[in-house]
Amino acid sequence: MRKGTLAPILGGAVAAGVVASTILKFYRQRGAADRLWQDTVVERFDEPSTVKELTILPLIDFYTANETLIGEPGVSYLVQADDHTVLFDVGFNRKGLNPSPLLRNMENLGVSREEIDSVVISHRHVDHTGGFKAQRARSFMLAPDDTEPFPVRAYVPEEMTHPSANVKVVTEPLEIAPGVFSIGPIARSIWLAGMTPEQALAVNVAGKGLVLIMGCGHQTLQRAVARTEALFDEPLYGVIGGLHFPVTGSRIRGGVQRVIGTGRPPWQFIGKEDVRVTVSFLEEKKPHLVAISAHDSCDWTIDAFKETFGDRYREVVVGRKIVV
């Protein structure tokens, strides 16, 4: 062996070992998540309260209604359920801007933090908690240097902190406000990201049924719907939000979401057949409203949902309200 060739060989072996260890960890956590799902029994909501009116205003997502608003690969929705207002996730702020895209869009749309009654974080990924600084701090941030008091109740799916919010870790299904429910965290093993508990909101609209509001859909739509059906007798009226189907390559972060966030080992990409299966599954539920986020799904996926659901489909666009 020639001089100088040993170091690259050893470096390659170490790198291969590191990758192998991450894959073994992924499989162990996937088994634990599956067992947790199978063993979890939830208590049904008897005669759950309702809301008369529900409006979802996207504050952060990929597409925007006009050029004054900022689009980015993250999620933040203002959920107005009668007189209770929920800020569902707080976006990404990938560039670390201050004020953040969220705060800029809120200002342009005439939304103040004073009207927000509670915050719900779907899961602790950077595109939902306000960026890398927030993730490292196990917190959520409306902007990286935001010090303005935010004295609201925050519902999070795992241990997190915030300087001024009253943080509650959600461990099981919970009524957040009259007619507004967390279906509780559902864990999924994500390669490199680890065990990821994610919660969704279910809003019970009087005379219509349940509207399911999703963050990324890492827990899968199938399990989120199964959990919702285990909790309520009311029908599924609609599904709004992210489902993580970047099947043709993602417009986000160079296509990395085809590898990370899938709930699969890195060599198994999500494919078009996975989308078709989910579309068929949802169509069997006969929803009246479907709106899929472009922050983690490609245009091919969105077109597949549009084609199936037709006039029942709504665009998820920053600044454009979805009224139920």
C-alpha atoms as a PDB file:
ATOM      1  CA  MET A   1       0.000   0.000   0.000  1.00  0.00           C
ATOM      2  CA  ARG A   2       1.413   3.333  -1.039  1.00  0.00           C
ATOM      3  CA  LYS A   3       2.058   6.040   1.524  1.00  0.00           C
ATOM      4  CA  GLY A   4      -0.907   8.319   2.058  1.00  0.00           C
ATOM      5  CA  THR A   5      -3.584   5.846   0.997  1.00  0.00           C
ATOM      6  CA  LEU A   6      -4.428   4.542   4.478  1.00  0.00           C
ATOM      7  CA  ALA A   7      -6.076   7.702   5.798  1.00  0.00           C
ATOM      8  CA  PRO A   8      -8.810   7.888   3.101  1.00  0.00           C
ATOM      9  CA  ILE A   9      -9.582   4.194   3.584  1.00  0.00           C
ATOM     10  CA  LEU A  10      -9.896   4.596   7.338  1.00  0.00           C
ATOM     11  CA  GLY A  11     -11.947   7.764   6.876  1.00  0.00           C
ATOM     12  CA  GLY A  12     -14.320   5.943   4.552  1.00  0.00           C
ATOM     13  CA  ALA A  13     -14.677   3.072   6.994  1.00  0.00           C
ATOM     14  CA  VAL A  14     -15.473   5.456   9.848  1.00  0.00           C
ATOM     15  CA  ALA A  15     -18.032   7.285   7.734  1.00  0.00           C
ATOM     16  CA  ALA A  16     -19.679   4.005   6.728  1.00  0.00           C
ATOM     17  CA  GLY A  17     -19.805   2.983  10.370  1.00  0.00           C
ATOM     18  CA  VAL A  18     -21.458   6.253  11.363  1.00  0.00           C
ATOM     19  CA  VAL A  19     -24.110   5.884   8.658  1.00  0.00           C
ATOM     20  CA  ALA A  20     -24.730   2.284   9.663  1.00  0.00           C
ATOM     21  CA  SER A  21     -25.235   3.307  13.294  1.00  0.00           C
ATOM     22  CA  THR A  22     -27.813   5.941  12.291  1.00  0.00           C
ATOM     23  CA  ILE A  23     -29.697   3.342  10.294  1.00  0.00           C
ATOM     24  CA  LEU A  24     -29.684   0.842  13.168  1.00  0.00           C
ATOM     25  CA  LYS A  25     -30.962   3.573  15.485  1.00  0.00           C
ATOM     26  CA  PHE A  26     -33.695   4.385  12.967  1.00  0.00           C
ATOM     27  CA  TYR A  27     -34.894   0.773  12.893  1.00  0.00           C
ATOM     28  CA  ARG A  28     -34.903   0.501  16.696  1.00  0.00           C
ATOM     29  CA  GLN A  29     -36.940   3.677  16.998  1.00  0.00           C
ATOM     30  CA  ARG A  30     -39.298   2.611  14.249  1.00  0.00           C
ATOM     31  CA  GLY A  31     -40.061  -0.561  16.132  1.00  0.00           C
ATOM     32  CA  ALA A  32     -40.645   1.422  19.325  1.00  0.00           C
ATOM     33  CA  ALA A  33     -42.958   3.868  17.511  1.00  0.00           C
ATOM     34  CA  ASP A  34     -44.990   1.020  15.993  1.00  0.00           C
ATOM     35  CA  ARG A  35     -45.353  -0.691  19.351  1.00  0.00           C
ATOM     36  CA  LEU A  36     -46.415   2.583  20.964  1.00  0.00           C
ATOM     37  CA  TRP A  37     -49.044   3.087  18.276  1.00  0.00           C
ATOM     38  CA  GLN A  38     -50.406  -0.428  18.722  1.00  0.00           C
ATOM     39  CA  ASP A  39     -50.449  -0.205  22.519  1.00  0.00           C
ATOM     40  CA  THR A  40     -51.985   3.270  22.860  1.00  0.00           C
ATOM     41  CA  VAL A  41     -55.663   3.341  23.791  1.00  0.00           C
ATOM     42  CA  VAL A  42     -57.321   6.763  23.755  1.00  0.00           C
ATOM     43  CA  GLU A  43     -60.425   7.848  25.628  1.00  0.00           C
ATOM     44  CA  ARG A  44     -63.294   8.866  23.386  1.00  0.00           C
ATOM     45  CA  PHE A  45     -64.701  12.409  23.554  1.00  0.00           C
ATOM     46  CA  ASP A  46     -68.390  12.013  24.438  1.00  0.00           C
ATOM     47  CA  GLU A  47     -70.592  14.824  23.122  1.00  0.00           C
ATOM     48  CA  PRO A  48     -67.650  17.054  22.159  1.00  0.00           C
ATOM     49  CA  SER A  49     -68.249  20.778  21.957  1.00  0.00           C
ATOM     50  CA  THR A  50     -68.440  22.509  18.585  1.00  0.00           C
ATOM     51  CA  VAL A  51     -67.617  25.780  16.886  1.00  0.00           C
ATOM     52  CA  LYS A  52     -69.974  27.631  14.586  1.00  0.00           C
ATOM     53  CA  GLU A  53     -67.301  29.203  12.400  1.00  0.00           C
ATOM     54  CA  LEU A  54     -63.799  28.121  11.415  1.00  0.00           C
ATOM     55  CA  THR A  55     -61.309  30.098   9.351  1.00  0.00           C
ATOM     56  CA  ILE A  56     -57.708  29.101   8.569  1.00  0.00           C
ATOM     57  CA  LEU A  57     -55.397  31.872   7.377  1.00  0.00           C
ATOM     58  CA  PRO A  58     -51.980  30.637   6.175  1.00  0.00           C
ATOM     59  CA  LEU A  59     -49.307  32.995   7.522  1.00  0.00           C
ATOM     60  CA  ILE A  60     -46.352  30.929   6.337  1.00  0.00           C
ATOM     61  CA  ASP A  61     -46.300  28.449   3.460  1.00  0.00           C
ATOM     62  CA  PHE A  62     -44.616  28.143   0.081  1.00  0.00           C
ATOM     63  CA  TYR A  63     -47.032  30.108  -2.117  1.00  0.00           C
ATOM     64  CA  THR A  64     -48.339  33.617  -1.418  1.00  0.00           C
ATOM     65  CA  ALA A  65     -51.377  35.592  -2.536  1.00  0.00           C
ATOM     66  CA  ASN A  66     -49.314  38.629  -3.576  1.00  0.00           C
ATOM     67  CA  GLU A  67     -45.781  40.016  -3.729  1.00  0.00           C
ATOM     68  CA  THR A  68     -46.024  41.861  -0.405  1.00  0.00           C
ATOM     69  CA  LEU A  69     -46.069  38.505   1.404  1.00  0.00           C
ATOM     70  CA  ILE A  70     -43.118  36.161   1.934  1.00  0.00           C
ATOM     71  CA  GLY A  71     -43.328  32.491   1.039  1.00  0.00           C
ATOM     72  CA  GLU A  72     -40.982  29.897   2.469  1.00  0.00           C
ATOM     73  CA  PRO A  73     -40.809  26.129   3.070  1.00  0.00           C
ATOM     74  CA  GLY A  74     -42.420  26.218   6.495  1.00  0.00           C
ATOM     75  CA  VAL A  75     -45.843  26.292   8.101  1.00  0.00           C
ATOM     76  CA  SER A  76     -47.785  28.739  10.240  1.00  0.00           C
ATOM     77  CA  TYR A  77     -51.575  28.949  10.195  1.00  0.00           C
ATOM     78  CA  LEU A  78     -53.843  31.311  12.094  1.00  0.00           C
ATOM     79  CA  VAL A  79     -56.809  29.185  13.133  1.00  0.00           C
ATOM     80  CA  GLN A  80     -59.871  31.218  14.114  1.00  0.00           C
ATOM     81  CA  ALA A  81     -62.452  28.977  15.829  1.00  0.00           C
ATOM     82  CA  ASP A  82     -65.319  31.199  16.948  1.00  0.00           C
ATOM     83  CA  ASP A  83     -63.719  33.568  19.482  1.00  0.00           C
ATOM     84  CA  HIS A  84     -60.562  31.483  20.093  1.00  0.00           C
ATOM     85  CA  THR A  85     -57.492  32.077  17.923  1.00  0.00           C
ATOM     86  CA  VAL A  86     -54.725  29.484  17.609  1.00  0.00           C
ATOM     87  CA  LEU A  87     -51.316  30.085  16.045  1.00  0.00           C
ATOM     88  CA  PHE A  88     -50.532  26.668  14.598  1.00  0.00           C
ATOM     89  CA  ASP A  89     -46.737  26.448  14.136  1.00  0.00           C
ATOM     90  CA  VAL A  90     -44.484  29.479  13.570  1.00  0.00           C
ATOM     91  CA  GLY A  91     -42.732  28.883  10.246  1.00  0.00           C
ATOM     92  CA  PHE A  92     -39.098  28.321   9.316  1.00  0.00           C
ATOM     93  CA  ASN A  93     -37.227  31.629   8.840  1.00  0.00           C
ATOM     94  CA  ARG A  94     -34.469  29.746   7.064  1.00  0.00           C
ATOM     95  CA  LYS A  95     -32.353  32.902   6.567  1.00  0.00           C
ATOM     96  CA  GLY A  96     -32.653  34.005  10.189  1.00  0.00           C
ATOM     97  CA  LEU A  97     -34.307  37.310   9.278  1.00  0.00           C
ATOM     98  CA  ASN A  98     -35.346  39.790  11.927  1.00  0.00           C
ATOM     99  CA  PRO A  99     -38.191  40.608  11.684  1.00  0.00           C
ATOM    100  CA  SER A 100     -38.973  37.132  10.449  1.00  0.00           C
ATOM    101  CA  PRO A 101     -41.169  36.265   7.442  1.00  0.00           C
ATOM    102  CA  LEU A 102     -43.865  35.324   9.962  1.00  0.00           C
ATOM    103  CA  LEU A 103     -43.845  38.720  11.673  1.00  0.00           C
ATOM    104  CA  ARG A 104     -43.685  40.541   8.338  1.00  0.00           C
ATOM    105  CA  ASN A 105     -46.630  38.578   6.958  1.00  0.00           C
ATOM    106  CA  MET A 106     -48.595  39.103  10.153  1.00  0.00           C
ATOM    107  CA  GLU A 107     -48.053  42.857   9.864  1.00  0.00           C
ATOM    108  CA  ASN A 108     -49.027  42.926   6.193  1.00  0.00           C
ATOM    109  CA  LEU A 109     -52.163  40.905   6.912  1.00  0.00           C
ATOM    110  CA  GLY A 110     -53.167  42.983   9.929  1.00  0.00           C
ATOM    111  CA  VAL A 111     -52.614  40.176  12.439  1.00  0.00           C
ATOM    112  CA  SER A 112     -51.279  41.095  15.880  1.00  0.00           C
ATOM    113  CA  ARG A 113     -49.898  38.748  18.476  1.00  0.00           C
ATOM    114  CA  GLU A 114     -52.363  40.222  20.979  1.00  0.00           C
ATOM    115  CA  GLU A 115     -55.244  38.458  19.226  1.00  0.00           C
ATOM    116  CA  ILE A 116     -53.596  35.040  19.591  1.00  0.00           C
ATOM    117  CA  ASP A 117     -55.022  33.013  22.462  1.00  0.00           C
ATOM    118  CA  SER A 118     -52.844  29.913  22.183  1.00  0.00           C
ATOM    119  CA  VAL A 119     -49.995  28.366  20.214  1.00  0.00           C
ATOM    120  CA  VAL A 120     -49.879  24.784  18.995  1.00  0.00           C
ATOM    121  CA  ILE A 121     -46.604  23.318  17.749  1.00  0.00           C
ATOM    122  CA  SER A 122     -47.214  20.262  15.587  1.00  0.00           C
ATOM    123  CA  HIS A 123     -43.673  18.883  15.977  1.00  0.00           C
ATOM    124  CA  ARG A 124     -40.195  20.112  16.824  1.00  0.00           C
ATOM    125  CA  HIS A 125     -38.683  20.502  13.349  1.00  0.00           C
ATOM    126  CA  VAL A 126     -37.040  23.709  12.163  1.00  0.00           C
ATOM    127  CA  ASP A 127     -39.700  24.549   9.561  1.00  0.00           C
ATOM    128  CA  HIS A 128     -42.403  24.612  12.242  1.00  0.00           C
ATOM    129  CA  THR A 129     -40.631  26.090  15.271  1.00  0.00           C
ATOM    130  CA  GLY A 130     -39.012  29.178  13.742  1.00  0.00           C
ATOM    131  CA  GLY A 131     -35.616  27.949  12.603  1.00  0.00           C
ATOM    132  CA  PHE A 132     -32.357  26.356  13.667  1.00  0.00           C
ATOM    133  CA  LYS A 133     -31.840  28.598  16.694  1.00  0.00           C
ATOM    134  CA  ALA A 134     -35.248  27.600  18.031  1.00  0.00           C
ATOM    135  CA  GLN A 135     -34.583  23.931  17.424  1.00  0.00           C
ATOM    136  CA  ARG A 136     -31.235  24.053  19.247  1.00  0.00           C
ATOM    137  CA  ALA A 137     -32.907  25.799  22.191  1.00  0.00           C
ATOM    138  CA  ARG A 138     -35.785  23.284  22.200  1.00  0.00           C
ATOM    139  CA  SER A 139     -38.114  26.265  21.869  1.00  0.00           C
ATOM    140  CA  PHE A 140     -40.245  28.070  19.297  1.00  0.00           C
ATOM    141  CA  MET A 141     -39.527  31.590  18.083  1.00  0.00           C
ATOM    142  CA  LEU A 142     -41.556  34.115  16.135  1.00  0.00           C
ATOM    143  CA  ALA A 143     -38.208  35.756  15.277  1.00  0.00           C
ATOM    144  CA  PRO A 144     -34.597  34.951  16.273  1.00  0.00           C
ATOM    145  CA  ASP A 145     -34.169  38.018  18.518  1.00  0.00           C
ATOM    146  CA  ASP A 146     -37.791  38.385  19.577  1.00  0.00           C
ATOM    147  CA  THR A 147     -37.970  39.461  23.226  1.00  0.00           C
ATOM    148  CA  GLU A 148     -41.525  40.800  23.247  1.00  0.00           C
ATOM    149  CA  PRO A 149     -43.625  38.994  25.883  1.00  0.00           C
ATOM    150  CA  PHE A 150     -45.935  36.332  24.480  1.00  0.00           C
ATOM    151  CA  PRO A 151     -48.059  35.296  27.474  1.00  0.00           C
ATOM    152  CA  VAL A 152     -50.137  32.603  25.808  1.00  0.00           C
ATOM    153  CA  ARG A 153     -50.685  28.913  26.494  1.00  0.00           C
ATOM    154  CA  ALA A 154     -48.488  26.837  24.189  1.00  0.00           C
ATOM    155  CA  TYR A 155     -49.272  23.184  23.485  1.00  0.00           C
ATOM    156  CA  VAL A 156     -46.234  21.189  22.371  1.00  0.00           C
ATOM    157  CA  PRO A 157     -45.761  17.460  21.609  1.00  0.00           C
ATOM    158  CA  GLU A 158     -42.528  17.017  23.565  1.00  0.00           C
ATOM    159  CA  GLU A 159     -40.409  18.885  26.111  1.00  0.00           C
ATOM    160  CA  MET A 160     -39.875  22.486  24.989  1.00  0.00           C
ATOM    161  CA  THR A 161     -39.475  25.852  26.687  1.00  0.00           C
ATOM    162  CA  HIS A 162     -40.324  29.465  25.940  1.00  0.00           C
ATOM    163  CA  PRO A 163     -39.310  32.679  27.776  1.00  0.00           C
ATOM    164  CA  SER A 164     -42.857  33.938  28.318  1.00  0.00           C
ATOM    165  CA  ALA A 165     -45.414  31.409  27.069  1.00  0.00           C
ATOM    166  CA  ASN A 166     -47.050  28.945  29.457  1.00  0.00           C
ATOM    167  CA  VAL A 167     -45.872  25.688  27.885  1.00  0.00           C
ATOM    168  CA  LYS A 168     -47.850  22.484  28.265  1.00  0.00           C
ATOM    169  CA  VAL A 169     -46.519  19.181  26.926  1.00  0.00           C
ATOM    170  CA  VAL A 170     -49.363  17.275  25.301  1.00  0.00           C
ATOM    171  CA  THR A 171     -49.114  13.544  26.013  1.00  0.00           C
ATOM    172  CA  GLU A 172     -52.653  12.497  25.071  1.00  0.00           C
ATOM    173  CA  PRO A 173     -55.679  13.897  23.227  1.00  0.00           C
ATOM    174  CA  LEU A 174     -56.781  17.175  24.739  1.00  0.00           C
ATOM    175  CA  GLU A 175     -59.451  19.850  24.288  1.00  0.00           C
ATOM    176  CA  ILE A 176     -57.566  23.115  23.851  1.00  0.00           C
ATOM    177  CA  ALA A 177     -60.617  25.360  23.532  1.00  0.00           C
ATOM    178  CA  PRO A 178     -64.335  24.719  22.976  1.00  0.00           C
ATOM    179  CA  GLY A 179     -64.533  22.646  19.793  1.00  0.00           C
ATOM    180  CA  VAL A 180     -60.745  22.660  19.257  1.00  0.00           C
ATOM    181  CA  PHE A 181     -58.837  19.470  20.073  1.00  0.00           C
ATOM    182  CA  SER A 182     -55.329  18.090  19.829  1.00  0.00           C
ATOM    183  CA  ILE A 183     -55.587  14.464  18.733  1.00  0.00           C
ATOM    184  CA  GLY A 184     -52.436  13.850  20.774  1.00  0.00           C
ATOM    185  CA  PRO A 185     -48.910  13.107  19.583  1.00  0.00           C
ATOM    186  CA  ILE A 186     -48.286  10.156  17.296  1.00  0.00           C
ATOM    187  CA  ALA A 187     -44.619   9.174  17.109  1.00  0.00           C
ATOM    188  CA  ARG A 188     -42.709   8.330  13.940  1.00  0.00           C
ATOM    189  CA  SER A 189     -39.085   7.341  13.559  1.00  0.00           C
ATOM    190  CA  ILE A 190     -37.333   9.740  11.163  1.00  0.00           C
ATOM    191  CA  TRP A 191     -33.868   8.888   9.904  1.00  0.00           C
ATOM    192  CA  LEU A 192     -31.350  11.417  11.347  1.00  0.00           C
ATOM    193  CA  ALA A 193     -34.136  13.375  13.077  1.00  0.00           C
ATOM    194  CA  GLY A 194     -34.894  10.582  15.546  1.00  0.00           C
ATOM    195  CA  MET A 195     -38.190   9.828  17.230  1.00  0.00           C
ATOM    196  CA  THR A 196     -40.631  12.536  16.156  1.00  0.00           C
ATOM    197  CA  PRO A 197     -43.960  12.914  17.958  1.00  0.00           C
ATOM    198  CA  GLU A 198     -46.391  15.015  15.938  1.00  0.00           C
ATOM    199  CA  GLN A 199     -49.827  16.293  16.878  1.00  0.00           C
ATOM    200  CA  ALA A 200     -52.630  17.560  14.668  1.00  0.00           C
ATOM    201  CA  LEU A 201     -55.651  19.700  15.458  1.00  0.00           C
ATOM    202  CA  ALA A 202     -59.226  18.503  15.035  1.00  0.00           C
ATOM    203  CA  VAL A 203     -61.829  21.274  14.993  1.00  0.00           C
ATOM    204  CA  ASN A 204     -65.439  20.158  15.401  1.00  0.00           C
ATOM    205  CA  VAL A 205     -67.598  22.413  13.220  1.00  0.00           C
ATOM    206  CA  ALA A 206     -71.303  22.323  14.052  1.00  0.00           C
ATOM    207  CA  GLY A 207     -73.442  20.689  11.383  1.00  0.00           C
ATOM    208  CA  LYS A 208     -70.407  19.679   9.313  1.00  0.00           C
ATOM    209  CA  GLY A 209     -67.909  17.566  11.226  1.00  0.00           C
ATOM    210  CA  LEU A 210     -64.205  17.485  11.956  1.00  0.00           C
ATOM    211  CA  VAL A 211     -61.547  19.497  10.166  1.00  0.00           C
ATOM    212  CA  LEU A 212     -58.107  17.979  10.628  1.00  0.00           C
ATOM    213  CA  ILE A 213     -55.224  20.487  10.520  1.00  0.00           C
ATOM    214  CA  MET A 214     -51.841  18.856   9.879  1.00  0.00           C
ATOM    215  CA  GLY A 215     -48.262  20.131  10.224  1.00  0.00           C
ATOM    216  CA  CYS A 216     -46.065  17.817   8.150  1.00  0.00           C
ATOM    217  CA  GLY A 217     -47.984  14.559   8.294  1.00  0.00           C
ATOM    218  CA  HIS A 218     -44.968  12.597   9.486  1.00  0.00           C
ATOM    219  CA  GLN A 219     -47.362  10.484  11.562  1.00  0.00           C
ATOM    220  CA  THR A 220     -49.118   9.651   8.236  1.00  0.00           C
ATOM    221  CA  LEU A 221     -52.600  10.731   7.293  1.00  0.00           C
ATOM    222  CA  GLN A 222     -53.816   7.177   7.829  1.00  0.00           C
ATOM    223  CA  ARG A 223     -52.821   7.155  11.492  1.00  0.00           C
ATOM    224  CA  ALA A 224     -54.035  10.708  12.080  1.00  0.00           C
ATOM    225  CA  VAL A 225     -57.447   9.789  10.682  1.00  0.00           C
ATOM    226  CA  ALA A 226     -57.520   6.518  12.615  1.00  0.00           C
ATOM    227  CA  ARG A 227     -56.769   8.423  15.830  1.00  0.00           C
ATOM    228  CA  THR A 228     -59.486  10.968  15.011  1.00  0.00           C
ATOM    229  CA  GLU A 229     -62.025   8.213  14.382  1.00  0.00           C
ATOM    230  CA  ALA A 230     -61.081   6.606  17.692  1.00  0.00           C
ATOM    231  CA  LEU A 231     -61.795   9.895  19.485  1.00  0.00           C
ATOM    232  CA  PHE A 232     -64.980  11.124  17.811  1.00  0.00           C
ATOM    233  CA  ASP A 233     -68.251   9.907  16.338  1.00  0.00           C
ATOM    234  CA  GLU A 234     -68.428  12.968  14.072  1.00  0.00           C
ATOM    235  CA  PRO A 235     -67.480  12.527  10.392  1.00  0.00           C
ATOM    236  CA  LEU A 236     -64.306  13.850   8.838  1.00  0.00           C
ATOM    237  CA  TYR A 237     -65.266  17.042   7.022  1.00  0.00           C
ATOM    238  CA  GLY A 238     -61.856  18.165   5.806  1.00  0.00           C
ATOM    239  CA  VAL A 239     -58.066  17.882   5.858  1.00  0.00           C
ATOM    240  CA  ILE A 240     -55.790  20.919   5.651  1.00  0.00           C
ATOM    241  CA  GLY A 241     -51.978  21.108   5.827  1.00  0.00           C
ATOM    242  CA  GLY A 242     -48.807  19.146   5.177  1.00  0.00           C
ATOM    243  CA  LEU A 243     -48.577  15.466   4.212  1.00  0.00           C
ATOM    244  CA  HIS A 244     -44.885  15.225   3.211  1.00  0.00           C
ATOM    245  CA  PHE A 245     -45.052  13.895  -0.337  1.00  0.00           C
ATOM    246  CA  PRO A 246     -42.046  15.377  -2.232  1.00  0.00           C
ATOM    247  CA  VAL A 247     -42.181  12.496  -4.737  1.00  0.00           C
ATOM    248  CA  THR A 248     -40.819  14.216  -7.855  1.00  0.00           C
ATOM    249  CA  GLY A 249     -38.031  15.940  -5.999  1.00  0.00           C
ATOM    250  CA  SER A 250     -38.748  18.787  -3.678  1.00  0.00           C
ATOM    251  CA  ARG A 251     -38.488  22.487  -4.281  1.00  0.00           C
ATOM    252  CA  ILE A 252     -37.203  22.540  -0.679  1.00  0.00           C
ATOM    253  CA  ARG A 253     -33.547  22.351   0.365  1.00  0.00           C
ATOM    254  CA  GLY A 254     -32.287  20.665  -2.777  1.00  0.00           C
ATOM    255  CA  GLY A 255     -34.643  17.692  -2.600  1.00  0.00           C
ATOM    256  CA  VAL A 256     -33.343  16.522   0.787  1.00  0.00           C
ATOM    257  CA  GLN A 257     -36.911  15.911   1.966  1.00  0.00           C
ATOM    258  CA  ARG A 258     -37.076  12.941  -0.379  1.00  0.00           C
ATOM    259  CA  VAL A 259     -34.557  11.310   1.965  1.00  0.00           C
ATOM    260  CA  ILE A 260     -35.202  12.890   5.370  1.00  0.00           C
ATOM    261  CA  GLY A 261     -38.626  12.984   6.929  1.00  0.00           C
ATOM    262  CA  THR A 262     -40.061  10.021   5.066  1.00  0.00           C
ATOM    263  CA  GLY A 263     -40.191   7.575   7.979  1.00  0.00           C
ATOM    264  CA  ARG A 264     -38.178   5.167   5.823  1.00  0.00           C
ATOM    265  CA  PRO A 265     -34.507   4.235   5.510  1.00  0.00           C
ATOM    266  CA  PRO A 266     -32.589   6.675   3.285  1.00  0.00           C
ATOM    267  CA  TRP A 267     -32.580   4.470   0.185  1.00  0.00           C
ATOM    268  CA  GLN A 268     -36.389   4.200   0.079  1.00  0.00           C
ATOM    269  CA  PHE A 269     -37.897   7.350  -1.406  1.00  0.00           C
ATOM    270  CA  ILE A 270     -41.595   8.166  -1.257  1.00  0.00           C
ATOM    271  CA  GLY A 271     -43.127   7.438  -4.660  1.00  0.00           C
ATOM    272  CA  LYS A 272     -46.170   8.273  -6.720  1.00  0.00           C
ATOM    273  CA  GLU A 273     -47.883   5.067  -5.660  1.00  0.00           C
ATOM    274  CA  ASP A 274     -47.686   6.218  -2.023  1.00  0.00           C
ATOM    275  CA  VAL A 275     -49.546   9.364  -3.019  1.00  0.00           C
ATOM    276  CA  ARG A 276     -52.157   7.378  -4.949  1.00  0.00           C
ATOM    277  CA  VAL A 277     -52.737   5.123  -1.947  1.00  0.00           C
ATOM    278  CA  THR A 278     -53.234   8.126   0.349  1.00  0.00           C
ATOM    279  CA  VAL A 279     -55.514   9.885  -2.138  1.00  0.00           C
ATOM    280  CA  SER A 280     -57.655   6.734  -2.397  1.00  0.00           C
ATOM    281  CA  PHE A 281     -57.706   6.368   1.375  1.00  0.00           C
ATOM    282  CA  LEU A 282     -58.891   9.942   1.831  1.00  0.00           C
ATOM    283  CA  GLU A 283     -61.460   9.701  -0.969  1.00  0.00           C
ATOM    284  CA  GLU A 284     -63.072   6.769   0.863  1.00  0.00           C
ATOM    285  CA  LYS A 285     -63.731   9.166   3.768  1.00  0.00           C
ATOM    286  CA  LYS A 286     -65.686  11.469   1.414  1.00  0.00           C
ATOM    287  CA  PRO A 287     -64.327  14.782   2.733  1.00  0.00           C
ATOM    288  CA  HIS A 288     -65.911  18.067   1.699  1.00  0.00           C
ATOM    289  CA  LEU A 289     -62.655  20.025   1.932  1.00  0.00           C
ATOM    290  CA  VAL A 290     -59.047  19.118   1.085  1.00  0.00           C
ATOM    291  CA  ALA A 291     -56.113  21.564   1.067  1.00  0.00           C
ATOM    292  CA  ILE A 292     -52.529  20.281   0.845  1.00  0.00           C
ATOM    293  CA  SER A 293     -49.514  22.385   1.813  1.00  0.00           C
ATOM    294  CA  ALA A 294     -46.818  22.940  -0.794  1.00  0.00           C
ATOM    295  CA  HIS A 295     -44.150  23.380   1.880  1.00  0.00           C
ATOM    296  CA  ASP A 296     -43.394  19.642   1.902  1.00  0.00           C
ATOM    297  CA  SER A 297     -45.247  18.226  -1.102  1.00  0.00           C
ATOM    298  CA  CYS A 298     -44.351  18.632  -4.776  1.00  0.00           C
ATOM    299  CA  ASP A 299     -46.640  20.033  -7.431  1.00  0.00           C
ATOM    300  CA  TRP A 300     -47.250  16.554  -8.874  1.00  0.00           C
ATOM    301  CA  THR A 301     -48.684  15.504  -5.509  1.00  0.00           C
ATOM    302  CA  ILE A 302     -50.838  18.604  -5.222  1.00  0.00           C
ATOM    303  CA  ASP A 303     -52.162  18.059  -8.756  1.00  0.00           C
ATOM    304  CA  ALA A 304     -53.057  14.468  -7.844  1.00  0.00           C
ATOM    305  CA  PHE A 305     -55.185  15.699  -4.945  1.00  0.00           C
ATOM    306  CA  LYS A 306     -56.710  18.463  -7.095  1.00  0.00           C
ATOM    307  CA  GLU A 307     -57.685  16.008  -9.828  1.00  0.00           C
ATOM    308  CA  THR A 308     -59.373  13.652  -7.368  1.00  0.00           C
ATOM    309  CA  PHE A 309     -61.199  16.173  -5.200  1.00  0.00           C
ATOM    310  CA  GLY A 310     -62.091  18.754  -7.829  1.00  0.00           C
ATOM    311  CA  ASP A 311     -64.207  21.601  -6.465  1.00  0.00           C
ATOM    312  CA  ARG A 312     -63.658  20.251  -2.940  1.00  0.00           C
ATOM    313  CA  TYR A 313     -59.981  21.196  -3.189  1.00  0.00           C
ATOM    314  CA  ARG A 314     -58.639  24.512  -1.844  1.00  0.00           C
ATOM    315  CA  GLU A 315     -55.217  26.058  -2.370  1.00  0.00           C
ATOM    316  CA  VAL A 316     -52.991  26.674   0.657  1.00  0.00           C
ATOM    317  CA  VAL A 317     -51.727  30.180  -0.030  1.00  0.00           C
ATOM    318  CA  VAL A 318     -50.323  32.731   2.414  1.00  0.00           C
ATOM    319  CA  GLY A 319     -52.834  35.524   2.861  1.00  0.00           C
ATOM    320  CA  ARG A 320     -55.832  33.613   1.445  1.00  0.00           C
ATOM    321  CA  LYS A 321     -58.372  32.443   4.014  1.00  0.00           C
ATOM    322  CA  ILE A 322     -59.890  28.981   3.965  1.00  0.00           C
ATOM    323  CA  VAL A 323     -63.394  29.339   5.371  1.00  0.00           C
ATOM    324  CA  VAL A 324     -65.275  26.268   6.585  1.00  0.00           C
END
